[in-house]
Amino acid sequence: MHIDFKALTIDLTPEIRSYATSKVEMLTKLLQNVDEENIQFEVALERNQSQKTGEVFRADITVHAGGEKTHAVGHGETVEAAIDEAKDELTRRLRRGKGKRLAALREGGARIKKMMRFWE
């Protein structure tokens, strides 16, 4: 697993880096069929300079796992809130993809079973 950080308009402190790393590492359990060395995360953090209040921080998290790429964006009043929102969105997308793959596998297995019964 490899994590690339990009801090465009903020200083990337060790605290922010460790917080983002811990949140991103939680996502690896959803990527069970991919080898650990084939997983790459890209985390981009930035602050909107023109906006003074509200959700001024943005976090982009992209996962390259095997041949698939999944991306999520989060906004928040703090960097941590933006990272949490992006992680939650990415979790939702990864779970949805995993569910689609399992449903297709089960449907294919049911069709094969039906064909095997016909041959008997």
PDB file of N, CA and C in Angstrom:
ATOM      1  N   MET A   1       0.850  -1.170   0.000  1.00  0.00           N
ATOM      2  CA  MET A   1       0.000   0.000   0.000  1.00  0.00           C
ATOM      3  C   MET A   1       0.894   1.232   0.000  1.00  0.00           C
ATOM      4  N   HIS A   2       0.525   2.185  -0.830  1.00  0.00           N
ATOM      5  CA  HIS A   2       1.293   3.413  -0.946  1.00  0.00           C
ATOM      6  C   HIS A   2       0.323   4.591  -0.852  1.00  0.00           C
ATOM      7  N   ILE A   3       0.707   5.598  -0.074  1.00  0.00           N
ATOM      8  CA  ILE A   3      -0.140   6.781   0.101  1.00  0.00           C
ATOM      9  C   ILE A   3       0.643   8.008  -0.350  1.00  0.00           C
ATOM     10  N   ASP A   4       0.091   8.740  -1.322  1.00  0.00           N
ATOM     11  CA  ASP A   4       0.686   9.994  -1.779  1.00  0.00           C
ATOM     12  C   ASP A   4      -0.131  11.149  -1.220  1.00  0.00           C
ATOM     13  N   PHE A   5       0.560  12.123  -0.636  1.00  0.00           N
ATOM     14  CA  PHE A   5      -0.104  13.304  -0.097  1.00  0.00           C
ATOM     15  C   PHE A   5       0.237  14.518  -0.941  1.00  0.00           C
ATOM     16  N   LYS A   6      -0.784  15.367  -1.142  1.00  0.00           N
ATOM     17  CA  LYS A   6      -0.607  16.636  -1.817  1.00  0.00           C
ATOM     18  C   LYS A   6      -1.308  17.680  -0.976  1.00  0.00           C
ATOM     19  N   ALA A   7      -0.567  18.663  -0.505  1.00  0.00           N
ATOM     20  CA  ALA A   7      -1.151  19.768   0.239  1.00  0.00           C
ATOM     21  C   ALA A   7      -0.974  21.017  -0.613  1.00  0.00           C
ATOM     22  N   LEU A   8      -2.048  21.431  -1.248  1.00  0.00           N
ATOM     23  CA  LEU A   8      -1.940  22.501  -2.232  1.00  0.00           C
ATOM     24  C   LEU A   8      -1.848  23.885  -1.594  1.00  0.00           C
ATOM     25  N   THR A   9      -2.741  24.200  -0.661  1.00  0.00           N
ATOM     26  CA  THR A   9      -2.760  25.549  -0.085  1.00  0.00           C
ATOM     27  C   THR A   9      -2.693  25.535   1.432  1.00  0.00           C
ATOM     28  N   ILE A  10      -2.306  24.415   2.022  1.00  0.00           N
ATOM     29  CA  ILE A  10      -2.144  24.345   3.478  1.00  0.00           C
ATOM     30  C   ILE A  10      -0.808  23.678   3.786  1.00  0.00           C
ATOM     31  N   ASP A  11      -0.373  23.829   5.032  1.00  0.00           N
ATOM     32  CA  ASP A  11       0.838  23.153   5.484  1.00  0.00           C
ATOM     33  C   ASP A  11       0.456  21.759   5.951  1.00  0.00           C
ATOM     34  N   LEU A  12       1.155  20.759   5.471  1.00  0.00           N
ATOM     35  CA  LEU A  12       0.879  19.374   5.835  1.00  0.00           C
ATOM     36  C   LEU A  12       1.697  19.039   7.086  1.00  0.00           C
ATOM     37  N   THR A  13       1.055  19.135   8.234  1.00  0.00           N
ATOM     38  CA  THR A  13       1.723  18.846   9.501  1.00  0.00           C
ATOM     39  C   THR A  13       1.730  17.341   9.737  1.00  0.00           C
ATOM     40  N   PRO A  14       2.606  16.867  10.608  1.00  0.00           N
ATOM     41  CA  PRO A  14       2.622  15.429  10.915  1.00  0.00           C
ATOM     42  C   PRO A  14       1.304  14.938  11.523  1.00  0.00           C
ATOM     43  N   GLU A  15       0.604  15.810  12.265  1.00  0.00           N
ATOM     44  CA  GLU A  15      -0.675  15.426  12.854  1.00  0.00           C
ATOM     45  C   GLU A  15      -1.727  15.175  11.768  1.00  0.00           C
ATOM     46  N   ILE A  16      -1.777  16.067  10.787  1.00  0.00           N
ATOM     47  CA  ILE A  16      -2.736  15.911   9.690  1.00  0.00           C
ATOM     48  C   ILE A  16      -2.383  14.681   8.870  1.00  0.00           C
ATOM     49  N   ARG A  17      -1.099  14.475   8.618  1.00  0.00           N
ATOM     50  CA  ARG A  17      -0.655  13.313   7.856  1.00  0.00           C
ATOM     51  C   ARG A  17      -1.015  12.006   8.565  1.00  0.00           C
ATOM     52  N   SER A  18      -0.790  11.929   9.870  1.00  0.00           N
ATOM     53  CA  SER A  18      -1.108  10.698  10.604  1.00  0.00           C
ATOM     54  C   SER A  18      -2.620  10.482  10.693  1.00  0.00           C
ATOM     55  N   TYR A  19      -3.394  11.565  10.827  1.00  0.00           N
ATOM     56  CA  TYR A  19      -4.848  11.446  10.870  1.00  0.00           C
ATOM     57  C   TYR A  19      -5.366  10.907   9.540  1.00  0.00           C
ATOM     58  N   ALA A  20      -4.897  11.482   8.447  1.00  0.00           N
ATOM     59  CA  ALA A  20      -5.338  11.031   7.123  1.00  0.00           C
ATOM     60  C   ALA A  20      -4.890   9.596   6.855  1.00  0.00           C
ATOM     61  N   THR A  21      -3.691   9.244   7.272  1.00  0.00           N
ATOM     62  CA  THR A  21      -3.191   7.885   7.086  1.00  0.00           C
ATOM     63  C   THR A  21      -4.053   6.875   7.836  1.00  0.00           C
ATOM     64  N   SER A  22      -4.421   7.202   9.081  1.00  0.00           N
ATOM     65  CA  SER A  22      -5.250   6.273   9.855  1.00  0.00           C
ATOM     66  C   SER A  22      -6.623   6.094   9.223  1.00  0.00           C
ATOM     67  N   LYS A  23      -7.198   7.165   8.689  1.00  0.00           N
ATOM     68  CA  LYS A  23      -8.513   7.066   8.049  1.00  0.00           C
ATOM     69  C   LYS A  23      -8.444   6.283   6.740  1.00  0.00           C
ATOM     70  N   VAL A  24      -7.393   6.488   5.979  1.00  0.00           N
ATOM     71  CA  VAL A  24      -7.245   5.808   4.694  1.00  0.00           C
ATOM     72  C   VAL A  24      -6.965   4.322   4.904  1.00  0.00           C
ATOM     73  N   GLU A  25      -6.209   3.980   5.932  1.00  0.00           N
ATOM     74  CA  GLU A  25      -5.892   2.572   6.189  1.00  0.00           C
ATOM     75  C   GLU A  25      -7.135   1.777   6.559  1.00  0.00           C
ATOM     76  N   MET A  26      -8.178   2.453   7.083  1.00  0.00           N
ATOM     77  CA  MET A  26      -9.430   1.770   7.391  1.00  0.00           C
ATOM     78  C   MET A  26     -10.111   1.239   6.126  1.00  0.00           C
ATOM     79  N   LEU A  27      -9.837   1.876   5.002  1.00  0.00           N
ATOM     80  CA  LEU A  27     -10.484   1.497   3.743  1.00  0.00           C
ATOM     81  C   LEU A  27      -9.906   0.233   3.137  1.00  0.00           C
ATOM     82  N   THR A  28      -8.728  -0.190   3.577  1.00  0.00           N
ATOM     83  CA  THR A  28      -8.093  -1.361   2.970  1.00  0.00           C
ATOM     84  C   THR A  28      -8.876  -2.643   3.246  1.00  0.00           C
ATOM     85  N   LYS A  29      -9.666  -2.680   4.315  1.00  0.00           N
ATOM     86  CA  LYS A  29     -10.443  -3.888   4.600  1.00  0.00           C
ATOM     87  C   LYS A  29     -11.555  -4.101   3.573  1.00  0.00           C
ATOM     88  N   LEU A  30     -11.946  -3.045   2.860  1.00  0.00           N
ATOM     89  CA  LEU A  30     -12.950  -3.188   1.812  1.00  0.00           C
ATOM     90  C   LEU A  30     -12.339  -3.657   0.499  1.00  0.00           C
ATOM     91  N   LEU A  31     -11.020  -3.687   0.431  1.00  0.00           N
ATOM     92  CA  LEU A  31     -10.304  -4.097  -0.778  1.00  0.00           C
ATOM     93  C   LEU A  31      -9.625  -5.438  -0.538  1.00  0.00           C
ATOM     94  N   GLN A  32     -10.404  -6.468  -0.240  1.00  0.00           N
ATOM     95  CA  GLN A  32      -9.845  -7.751   0.152  1.00  0.00           C
ATOM     96  C   GLN A  32      -9.265  -8.551  -1.001  1.00  0.00           C
ATOM     97  N   ASN A  33      -9.784  -8.385  -2.192  1.00  0.00           N
ATOM     98  CA  ASN A  33      -9.335  -9.192  -3.331  1.00  0.00           C
ATOM     99  C   ASN A  33      -8.115  -8.615  -4.033  1.00  0.00           C
ATOM    100  N   VAL A  34      -7.569  -7.518  -3.522  1.00  0.00           N
ATOM    101  CA  VAL A  34      -6.437  -6.849  -4.156  1.00  0.00           C
ATOM    102  C   VAL A  34      -5.215  -7.016  -3.254  1.00  0.00           C
ATOM    103  N   ASP A  35      -4.076  -7.333  -3.865  1.00  0.00           N
ATOM    104  CA  ASP A  35      -2.844  -7.455  -3.095  1.00  0.00           C
ATOM    105  C   ASP A  35      -2.474  -6.115  -2.474  1.00  0.00           C
ATOM    106  N   GLU A  36      -1.832  -6.180  -1.325  1.00  0.00           N
ATOM    107  CA  GLU A  36      -1.463  -4.971  -0.573  1.00  0.00           C
ATOM    108  C   GLU A  36      -0.546  -4.053  -1.384  1.00  0.00           C
ATOM    109  N   GLU A  37       0.357  -4.626  -2.174  1.00  0.00           N
ATOM    110  CA  GLU A  37       1.297  -3.799  -2.929  1.00  0.00           C
ATOM    111  C   GLU A  37       0.649  -3.153  -4.152  1.00  0.00           C
ATOM    112  N   ASN A  38      -0.550  -3.597  -4.540  1.00  0.00           N
ATOM    113  CA  ASN A  38      -1.244  -3.030  -5.696  1.00  0.00           C
ATOM    114  C   ASN A  38      -2.245  -1.942  -5.328  1.00  0.00           C
ATOM    115  N   ILE A  39      -2.260  -1.529  -4.073  1.00  0.00           N
ATOM    116  CA  ILE A  39      -3.186  -0.489  -3.622  1.00  0.00           C
ATOM    117  C   ILE A  39      -2.419   0.822  -3.493  1.00  0.00           C
ATOM    118  N   GLN A  40      -2.969   1.869  -4.110  1.00  0.00           N
ATOM    119  CA  GLN A  40      -2.355   3.194  -4.020  1.00  0.00           C
ATOM    120  C   GLN A  40      -3.438   4.220  -3.705  1.00  0.00           C
ATOM    121  N   PHE A  41      -3.171   5.042  -2.711  1.00  0.00           N
ATOM    122  CA  PHE A  41      -4.074   6.120  -2.320  1.00  0.00           C
ATOM    123  C   PHE A  41      -3.437   7.454  -2.662  1.00  0.00           C
ATOM    124  N   GLU A  42      -4.255   8.377  -3.140  1.00  0.00           N
ATOM    125  CA  GLU A  42      -3.829   9.754  -3.363  1.00  0.00           C
ATOM    126  C   GLU A  42      -4.735  10.655  -2.528  1.00  0.00           C
ATOM    127  N   VAL A  43      -4.127  11.431  -1.642  1.00  0.00           N
ATOM    128  CA  VAL A  43      -4.879  12.331  -0.769  1.00  0.00           C
ATOM    129  C   VAL A  43      -4.429  13.750  -1.080  1.00  0.00           C
ATOM    130  N   ALA A  44      -5.371  14.587  -1.528  1.00  0.00           N
ATOM    131  CA  ALA A  44      -5.087  15.991  -1.825  1.00  0.00           C
ATOM    132  C   ALA A  44      -5.894  16.852  -0.871  1.00  0.00           C
ATOM    133  N   LEU A  45      -5.199  17.728  -0.155  1.00  0.00           N
ATOM    134  CA  LEU A  45      -5.841  18.616   0.810  1.00  0.00           C
ATOM    135  C   LEU A  45      -5.608  20.054   0.394  1.00  0.00           C
ATOM    136  N   GLU A  46      -6.663  20.863   0.505  1.00  0.00           N
ATOM    137  CA  GLU A  46      -6.502  22.270   0.158  1.00  0.00           C
ATOM    138  C   GLU A  46      -7.483  23.125   0.938  1.00  0.00           C
ATOM    139  N   ARG A  47      -7.182  24.412   0.994  1.00  0.00           N
ATOM    140  CA  ARG A  47      -8.029  25.395   1.650  1.00  0.00           C
ATOM    141  C   ARG A  47      -8.418  26.432   0.612  1.00  0.00           C
ATOM    142  N   ASN A  48      -9.708  26.769   0.571  1.00  0.00           N
ATOM    143  CA  ASN A  48     -10.202  27.780  -0.349  1.00  0.00           C
ATOM    144  C   ASN A  48      -9.799  29.155   0.186  1.00  0.00           C
ATOM    145  N   GLN A  49      -8.912  29.836  -0.509  1.00  0.00           N
ATOM    146  CA  GLN A  49      -8.369  31.108  -0.023  1.00  0.00           C
ATOM    147  C   GLN A  49      -9.390  32.234  -0.067  1.00  0.00           C
ATOM    148  N   SER A  50     -10.337  32.188  -0.984  1.00  0.00           N
ATOM    149  CA  SER A  50     -11.286  33.284  -1.127  1.00  0.00           C
ATOM    150  C   SER A  50     -12.433  33.197  -0.125  1.00  0.00           C
ATOM    151  N   GLN A  51     -12.642  32.034   0.474  1.00  0.00           N
ATOM    152  CA  GLN A  51     -13.737  31.840   1.410  1.00  0.00           C
ATOM    153  C   GLN A  51     -13.211  31.936   2.834  1.00  0.00           C
ATOM    154  N   LYS A  52     -13.875  32.713   3.677  1.00  0.00           N
ATOM    155  CA  LYS A  52     -13.404  32.921   5.047  1.00  0.00           C
ATOM    156  C   LYS A  52     -14.150  32.081   6.071  1.00  0.00           C
ATOM    157  N   THR A  53     -15.438  31.775   5.834  1.00  0.00           N
ATOM    158  CA  THR A  53     -16.214  30.999   6.801  1.00  0.00           C
ATOM    159  C   THR A  53     -16.897  29.840   6.090  1.00  0.00           C
ATOM    160  N   GLY A  54     -17.399  28.912   6.876  1.00  0.00           N
ATOM    161  CA  GLY A  54     -18.100  27.760   6.311  1.00  0.00           C
ATOM    162  C   GLY A  54     -17.146  26.635   5.989  1.00  0.00           C
ATOM    163  N   GLU A  55     -17.505  25.864   4.996  1.00  0.00           N
ATOM    164  CA  GLU A  55     -16.700  24.703   4.602  1.00  0.00           C
ATOM    165  C   GLU A  55     -15.567  25.155   3.689  1.00  0.00           C
ATOM    166  N   VAL A  56     -14.464  25.549   4.294  1.00  0.00           N
ATOM    167  CA  VAL A  56     -13.351  26.117   3.536  1.00  0.00           C
ATOM    168  C   VAL A  56     -12.297  25.077   3.145  1.00  0.00           C
ATOM    169  N   PHE A  57     -12.321  23.896   3.762  1.00  0.00           N
ATOM    170  CA  PHE A  57     -11.321  22.870   3.466  1.00  0.00           C
ATOM    171  C   PHE A  57     -11.920  21.813   2.545  1.00  0.00           C
ATOM    172  N   ARG A  58     -11.061  21.249   1.698  1.00  0.00           N
ATOM    173  CA  ARG A  58     -11.469  20.232   0.734  1.00  0.00           C
ATOM    174  C   ARG A  58     -10.458  19.092   0.786  1.00  0.00           C
ATOM    175  N   ALA A  59     -10.968  17.876   0.763  1.00  0.00           N
ATOM    176  CA  ALA A  59     -10.121  16.685   0.739  1.00  0.00           C
ATOM    177  C   ALA A  59     -10.550  15.798  -0.421  1.00  0.00           C
ATOM    178  N   ASP A  60      -9.613  15.466  -1.288  1.00  0.00           N
ATOM    179  CA  ASP A  60      -9.843  14.540  -2.400  1.00  0.00           C
ATOM    180  C   ASP A  60      -9.077  13.264  -2.092  1.00  0.00           C
ATOM    181  N   ILE A  61      -9.788  12.141  -2.120  1.00  0.00           N
ATOM    182  CA  ILE A  61      -9.138  10.847  -1.900  1.00  0.00           C
ATOM    183  C   ILE A  61      -9.438   9.969  -3.107  1.00  0.00           C
ATOM    184  N   THR A  62      -8.381   9.439  -3.696  1.00  0.00           N
ATOM    185  CA  THR A  62      -8.507   8.549  -4.846  1.00  0.00           C
ATOM    186  C   THR A  62      -7.823   7.229  -4.511  1.00  0.00           C
ATOM    187  N   VAL A  63      -8.502   6.129  -4.839  1.00  0.00           N
ATOM    188  CA  VAL A  63      -7.962   4.790  -4.598  1.00  0.00           C
ATOM    189  C   VAL A  63      -7.744   4.108  -5.940  1.00  0.00           C
ATOM    190  N   HIS A  64      -6.524   3.647  -6.157  1.00  0.00           N
ATOM    191  CA  HIS A  64      -6.198   2.820  -7.315  1.00  0.00           C
ATOM    192  C   HIS A  64      -5.955   1.415  -6.768  1.00  0.00           C
ATOM    193  N   ALA A  65      -6.909   0.523  -7.011  1.00  0.00           N
ATOM    194  CA  ALA A  65      -6.802  -0.847  -6.496  1.00  0.00           C
ATOM    195  C   ALA A  65      -6.934  -1.799  -7.662  1.00  0.00           C
ATOM    196  N   GLY A  66      -5.845  -2.448  -7.998  1.00  0.00           N
ATOM    197  CA  GLY A  66      -5.867  -3.322  -9.157  1.00  0.00           C
ATOM    198  C   GLY A  66      -6.047  -2.483 -10.409  1.00  0.00           C
ATOM    199  N   GLY A  67      -7.101  -2.733 -11.156  1.00  0.00           N
ATOM    200  CA  GLY A  67      -7.379  -1.959 -12.351  1.00  0.00           C
ATOM    201  C   GLY A  67      -8.481  -0.937 -12.149  1.00  0.00           C
ATOM    202  N   GLU A  68      -9.003  -0.839 -10.936  1.00  0.00           N
ATOM    203  CA  GLU A  68     -10.115   0.055 -10.666  1.00  0.00           C
ATOM    204  C   GLU A  68      -9.657   1.335  -9.986  1.00  0.00           C
ATOM    205  N   LYS A  69     -10.398   2.397 -10.256  1.00  0.00           N
ATOM    206  CA  LYS A  69     -10.098   3.694  -9.650  1.00  0.00           C
ATOM    207  C   LYS A  69     -11.395   4.238  -9.048  1.00  0.00           C
ATOM    208  N   THR A  70     -11.336   4.645  -7.778  1.00  0.00           N
ATOM    209  CA  THR A  70     -12.491   5.210  -7.094  1.00  0.00           C
ATOM    210  C   THR A  70     -12.066   6.529  -6.472  1.00  0.00           C
ATOM    211  N   HIS A  71     -12.930   7.537  -6.586  1.00  0.00           N
ATOM    212  CA  HIS A  71     -12.593   8.891  -6.156  1.00  0.00           C
ATOM    213  C   HIS A  71     -13.730   9.463  -5.321  1.00  0.00           C
ATOM    214  N   ALA A  72     -13.384  10.244  -4.288  1.00  0.00           N
ATOM    215  CA  ALA A  72     -14.390  10.910  -3.465  1.00  0.00           C
ATOM    216  C   ALA A  72     -13.838  12.257  -3.002  1.00  0.00           C
ATOM    217  N   VAL A  73     -14.748  13.203  -2.812  1.00  0.00           N
ATOM    218  CA  VAL A  73     -14.397  14.552  -2.376  1.00  0.00           C
ATOM    219  C   VAL A  73     -15.182  14.866  -1.113  1.00  0.00           C
ATOM    220  N   GLY A  74     -14.514  15.528  -0.164  1.00  0.00           N
ATOM    221  CA  GLY A  74     -15.182  15.952   1.058  1.00  0.00           C
ATOM    222  C   GLY A  74     -14.881  17.402   1.359  1.00  0.00           C
ATOM    223  N   HIS A  75     -15.864  18.107   1.903  1.00  0.00           N
ATOM    224  CA  HIS A  75     -15.704  19.503   2.305  1.00  0.00           C
ATOM    225  C   HIS A  75     -16.014  19.610   3.790  1.00  0.00           C
ATOM    226  N   GLY A  76     -15.337  20.542   4.472  1.00  0.00           N
ATOM    227  CA  GLY A  76     -15.593  20.711   5.887  1.00  0.00           C
ATOM    228  C   GLY A  76     -15.009  21.995   6.430  1.00  0.00           C
ATOM    229  N   GLU A  77     -15.418  22.318   7.649  1.00  0.00           N
ATOM    230  CA  GLU A  77     -14.905  23.519   8.312  1.00  0.00           C
ATOM    231  C   GLU A  77     -13.493  23.327   8.829  1.00  0.00           C
ATOM    232  N   THR A  78     -13.109  22.064   9.041  1.00  0.00           N
ATOM    233  CA  THR A  78     -11.737  21.740   9.438  1.00  0.00           C
ATOM    234  C   THR A  78     -11.193  20.703   8.460  1.00  0.00           C
ATOM    235  N   VAL A  79      -9.900  20.533   8.485  1.00  0.00           N
ATOM    236  CA  VAL A  79      -9.281  19.535   7.611  1.00  0.00           C
ATOM    237  C   VAL A  79      -9.763  18.141   7.991  1.00  0.00           C
ATOM    238  N   GLU A  80      -9.882  17.881   9.287  1.00  0.00           N
ATOM    239  CA  GLU A  80     -10.322  16.569   9.749  1.00  0.00           C
ATOM    240  C   GLU A  80     -11.740  16.261   9.294  1.00  0.00           C
ATOM    241  N   ALA A  81     -12.621  17.267   9.347  1.00  0.00           N
ATOM    242  CA  ALA A  81     -14.005  17.067   8.899  1.00  0.00           C
ATOM    243  C   ALA A  81     -14.058  16.771   7.409  1.00  0.00           C
ATOM    244  N   ALA A  82     -13.233  17.436   6.629  1.00  0.00           N
ATOM    245  CA  ALA A  82     -13.192  17.196   5.188  1.00  0.00           C
ATOM    246  C   ALA A  82     -12.675  15.787   4.897  1.00  0.00           C
ATOM    247  N   ILE A  83     -11.657  15.353   5.623  1.00  0.00           N
ATOM    248  CA  ILE A  83     -11.111  14.002   5.445  1.00  0.00           C
ATOM    249  C   ILE A  83     -12.160  12.961   5.819  1.00  0.00           C
ATOM    250  N   ASP A  84     -12.869  13.185   6.929  1.00  0.00           N
ATOM    251  CA  ASP A  84     -13.906  12.244   7.353  1.00  0.00           C
ATOM    252  C   ASP A  84     -15.017  12.127   6.317  1.00  0.00           C
ATOM    253  N   GLU A  85     -15.452  13.258   5.769  1.00  0.00           N
ATOM    254  CA  GLU A  85     -16.524  13.232   4.767  1.00  0.00           C
ATOM    255  C   GLU A  85     -16.076  12.495   3.502  1.00  0.00           C
ATOM    256  N   ALA A  86     -14.850  12.738   3.072  1.00  0.00           N
ATOM    257  CA  ALA A  86     -14.336  12.046   1.888  1.00  0.00           C
ATOM    258  C   ALA A  86     -14.196  10.548   2.148  1.00  0.00           C
ATOM    259  N   LYS A  87     -13.752  10.178   3.336  1.00  0.00           N
ATOM    260  CA  LYS A  87     -13.609   8.759   3.683  1.00  0.00           C
ATOM    261  C   LYS A  87     -14.968   8.072   3.716  1.00  0.00           C
ATOM    262  N   ASP A  88     -15.974   8.736   4.273  1.00  0.00           N
ATOM    263  CA  ASP A  88     -17.312   8.151   4.324  1.00  0.00           C
ATOM    264  C   ASP A  88     -17.887   7.947   2.922  1.00  0.00           C
ATOM    265  N   GLU A  89     -17.690   8.926   2.055  1.00  0.00           N
ATOM    266  CA  GLU A  89     -18.180   8.811   0.677  1.00  0.00           C
ATOM    267  C   GLU A  89     -17.439   7.694  -0.058  1.00  0.00           C
ATOM    268  N   LEU A  90     -16.146   7.603   0.146  1.00  0.00           N
ATOM    269  CA  LEU A  90     -15.364   6.545  -0.499  1.00  0.00           C
ATOM    270  C   LEU A  90     -15.771   5.168   0.021  1.00  0.00           C
ATOM    271  N   THR A  91     -16.038   5.063   1.312  1.00  0.00           N
ATOM    272  CA  THR A  91     -16.515   3.809   1.891  1.00  0.00           C
ATOM    273  C   THR A  91     -17.827   3.390   1.254  1.00  0.00           C
ATOM    274  N   ARG A  92     -18.731   4.345   1.090  1.00  0.00           N
ATOM    275  CA  ARG A  92     -20.017   4.049   0.474  1.00  0.00           C
ATOM    276  C   ARG A  92     -19.837   3.546  -0.958  1.00  0.00           C
ATOM    277  N   ARG A  93     -18.969   4.195  -1.703  1.00  0.00           N
ATOM    278  CA  ARG A  93     -18.746   3.794  -3.090  1.00  0.00           C
ATOM    279  C   ARG A  93     -18.077   2.426  -3.198  1.00  0.00           C
ATOM    280  N   LEU A  94     -17.111   2.151  -2.320  1.00  0.00           N
ATOM    281  CA  LEU A  94     -16.435   0.851  -2.357  1.00  0.00           C
ATOM    282  C   LEU A  94     -17.390  -0.267  -1.963  1.00  0.00           C
ATOM    283  N   ARG A  95     -18.228  -0.040  -0.969  1.00  0.00           N
ATOM    284  CA  ARG A  95     -19.196  -1.062  -0.565  1.00  0.00           C
ATOM    285  C   ARG A  95     -20.210  -1.321  -1.667  1.00  0.00           C
ATOM    286  N   ARG A  96     -20.636  -0.273  -2.347  1.00  0.00           N
ATOM    287  CA  ARG A  96     -21.595  -0.429  -3.434  1.00  0.00           C
ATOM    288  C   ARG A  96     -20.973  -1.260  -4.566  1.00  0.00           C
ATOM    289  N   GLY A  97     -19.733  -0.981  -4.895  1.00  0.00           N
ATOM    290  CA  GLY A  97     -19.056  -1.755  -5.933  1.00  0.00           C
ATOM    291  C   GLY A  97     -18.871  -3.204  -5.536  1.00  0.00           C
ATOM    292  N   LYS A  98     -18.561  -3.430  -4.270  1.00  0.00           N
ATOM    293  CA  LYS A  98     -18.396  -4.794  -3.784  1.00  0.00           C
ATOM    294  C   LYS A  98     -19.726  -5.545  -3.847  1.00  0.00           C
ATOM    295  N   GLY A  99     -20.811  -4.863  -3.494  1.00  0.00           N
ATOM    296  CA  GLY A  99     -22.131  -5.482  -3.565  1.00  0.00           C
ATOM    297  C   GLY A  99     -22.532  -5.820  -4.984  1.00  0.00           C
ATOM    298  N   LYS A 100     -22.197  -4.950  -5.928  1.00  0.00           N
ATOM    299  CA  LYS A 100     -22.506  -5.219  -7.330  1.00  0.00           C
ATOM    300  C   LYS A 100     -21.741  -6.441  -7.837  1.00  0.00           C
ATOM    301  N   ARG A 101     -20.468  -6.537  -7.463  1.00  0.00           N
ATOM    302  CA  ARG A 101     -19.677  -7.685  -7.897  1.00  0.00           C
ATOM    303  C   ARG A 101     -20.223  -8.989  -7.321  1.00  0.00           C
ATOM    304  N   LEU A 102     -20.597  -8.975  -6.034  1.00  0.00           N
ATOM    305  CA  LEU A 102     -21.141 -10.184  -5.414  1.00  0.00           C
ATOM    306  C   LEU A 102     -22.478 -10.569  -6.032  1.00  0.00           C
ATOM    307  N   ALA A 103     -23.324  -9.586  -6.332  1.00  0.00           N
ATOM    308  CA  ALA A 103     -24.620  -9.873  -6.942  1.00  0.00           C
ATOM    309  C   ALA A 103     -24.439 -10.495  -8.320  1.00  0.00           C
ATOM    310  N   ALA A 104     -23.503  -9.981  -9.099  1.00  0.00           N
ATOM    311  CA  ALA A 104     -23.245 -10.547 -10.433  1.00  0.00           C
ATOM    312  C   ALA A 104     -22.710 -11.968 -10.314  1.00  0.00           C
ATOM    313  N   LEU A 105     -21.850 -12.216  -9.335  1.00  0.00           N
ATOM    314  CA  LEU A 105     -21.311 -13.552  -9.134  1.00  0.00           C
ATOM    315  C   LEU A 105     -22.407 -14.535  -8.743  1.00  0.00           C
ATOM    316  N   ARG A 106     -23.278 -14.122  -7.835  1.00  0.00           N
ATOM    317  CA  ARG A 106     -24.369 -14.999  -7.401  1.00  0.00           C
ATOM    318  C   ARG A 106     -25.347 -15.264  -8.538  1.00  0.00           C
ATOM    319  N   GLU A 107     -25.639 -14.239  -9.322  1.00  0.00           N
ATOM    320  CA  GLU A 107     -26.550 -14.413 -10.448  1.00  0.00           C
ATOM    321  C   GLU A 107     -25.972 -15.375 -11.477  1.00  0.00           C
ATOM    322  N   GLY A 108     -24.687 -15.254 -11.737  1.00  0.00           N
ATOM    323  CA  GLY A 108     -24.039 -16.177 -12.671  1.00  0.00           C
ATOM    324  C   GLY A 108     -24.047 -17.601 -12.148  1.00  0.00           C
ATOM    325  N   GLY A 109     -23.810 -17.769 -10.862  1.00  0.00           N
ATOM    326  CA  GLY A 109     -23.846 -19.106 -10.258  1.00  0.00           C
ATOM    327  C   GLY A 109     -25.228 -19.721 -10.328  1.00  0.00           C
ATOM    328  N   ALA A 110     -26.265 -18.885 -10.124  1.00  0.00           N
ATOM    329  CA  ALA A 110     -27.640 -19.388 -10.201  1.00  0.00           C
ATOM    330  C   ALA A 110     -27.979 -19.829 -11.619  1.00  0.00           C
ATOM    331  N   ARG A 111     -27.494 -19.105 -12.618  1.00  0.00           N
ATOM    332  CA  ARG A 111     -27.753 -19.487 -14.008  1.00  0.00           C
ATOM    333  C   ARG A 111     -27.061 -20.794 -14.358  1.00  0.00           C
ATOM    334  N   ILE A 112     -25.848 -20.958 -13.886  1.00  0.00           N
ATOM    335  CA  ILE A 112     -25.122 -22.210 -14.145  1.00  0.00           C
ATOM    336  C   ILE A 112     -25.833 -23.378 -13.476  1.00  0.00           C
ATOM    337  N   LYS A 113     -26.303 -23.157 -12.248  1.00  0.00           N
ATOM    338  CA  LYS A 113     -27.017 -24.211 -11.534  1.00  0.00           C
ATOM    339  C   LYS A 113     -28.300 -24.592 -12.271  1.00  0.00           C
ATOM    340  N   LYS A 114     -28.992 -23.596 -12.795  1.00  0.00           N
ATOM    341  CA  LYS A 114     -30.223 -23.856 -13.545  1.00  0.00           C
ATOM    342  C   LYS A 114     -29.926 -24.650 -14.815  1.00  0.00           C
ATOM    343  N   MET A 115     -28.840 -24.307 -15.493  1.00  0.00           N
ATOM    344  CA  MET A 115     -28.463 -25.045 -16.701  1.00  0.00           C
ATOM    345  C   MET A 115     -28.083 -26.491 -16.363  1.00  0.00           C
ATOM    346  N   MET A 116     -27.400 -26.680 -15.253  1.00  0.00           N
ATOM    347  CA  MET A 116     -26.988 -28.041 -14.850  1.00  0.00           C
ATOM    348  C   MET A 116     -28.211 -28.890 -14.533  1.00  0.00           C
ATOM    349  N   ARG A 117     -29.245 -28.306 -13.940  1.00  0.00           N
ATOM    350  CA  ARG A 117     -30.469 -29.053 -13.653  1.00  0.00           C
ATOM    351  C   ARG A 117     -31.172 -29.461 -14.946  1.00  0.00           C
ATOM    352  N   PHE A 118     -31.093 -28.616 -15.949  1.00  0.00           N
ATOM    353  CA  PHE A 118     -31.732 -28.919 -17.226  1.00  0.00           C
ATOM    354  C   PHE A 118     -31.089 -30.128 -17.877  1.00  0.00           C
ATOM    355  N   TRP A 119     -29.789 -30.300 -17.708  1.00  0.00           N
ATOM    356  CA  TRP A 119     -29.067 -31.391 -18.351  1.00  0.00           C
ATOM    357  C   TRP A 119     -29.366 -32.740 -17.708  1.00  0.00           C
ATOM    358  N   GLU A 120     -29.809 -32.718 -16.497  1.00  0.00           N
ATOM    359  CA  GLU A 120     -30.056 -34.002 -15.800  1.00  0.00           C
ATOM    360  C   GLU A 120     -31.278 -34.706 -16.269  1.00  0.00           C
TER     361      GLU A 120
END
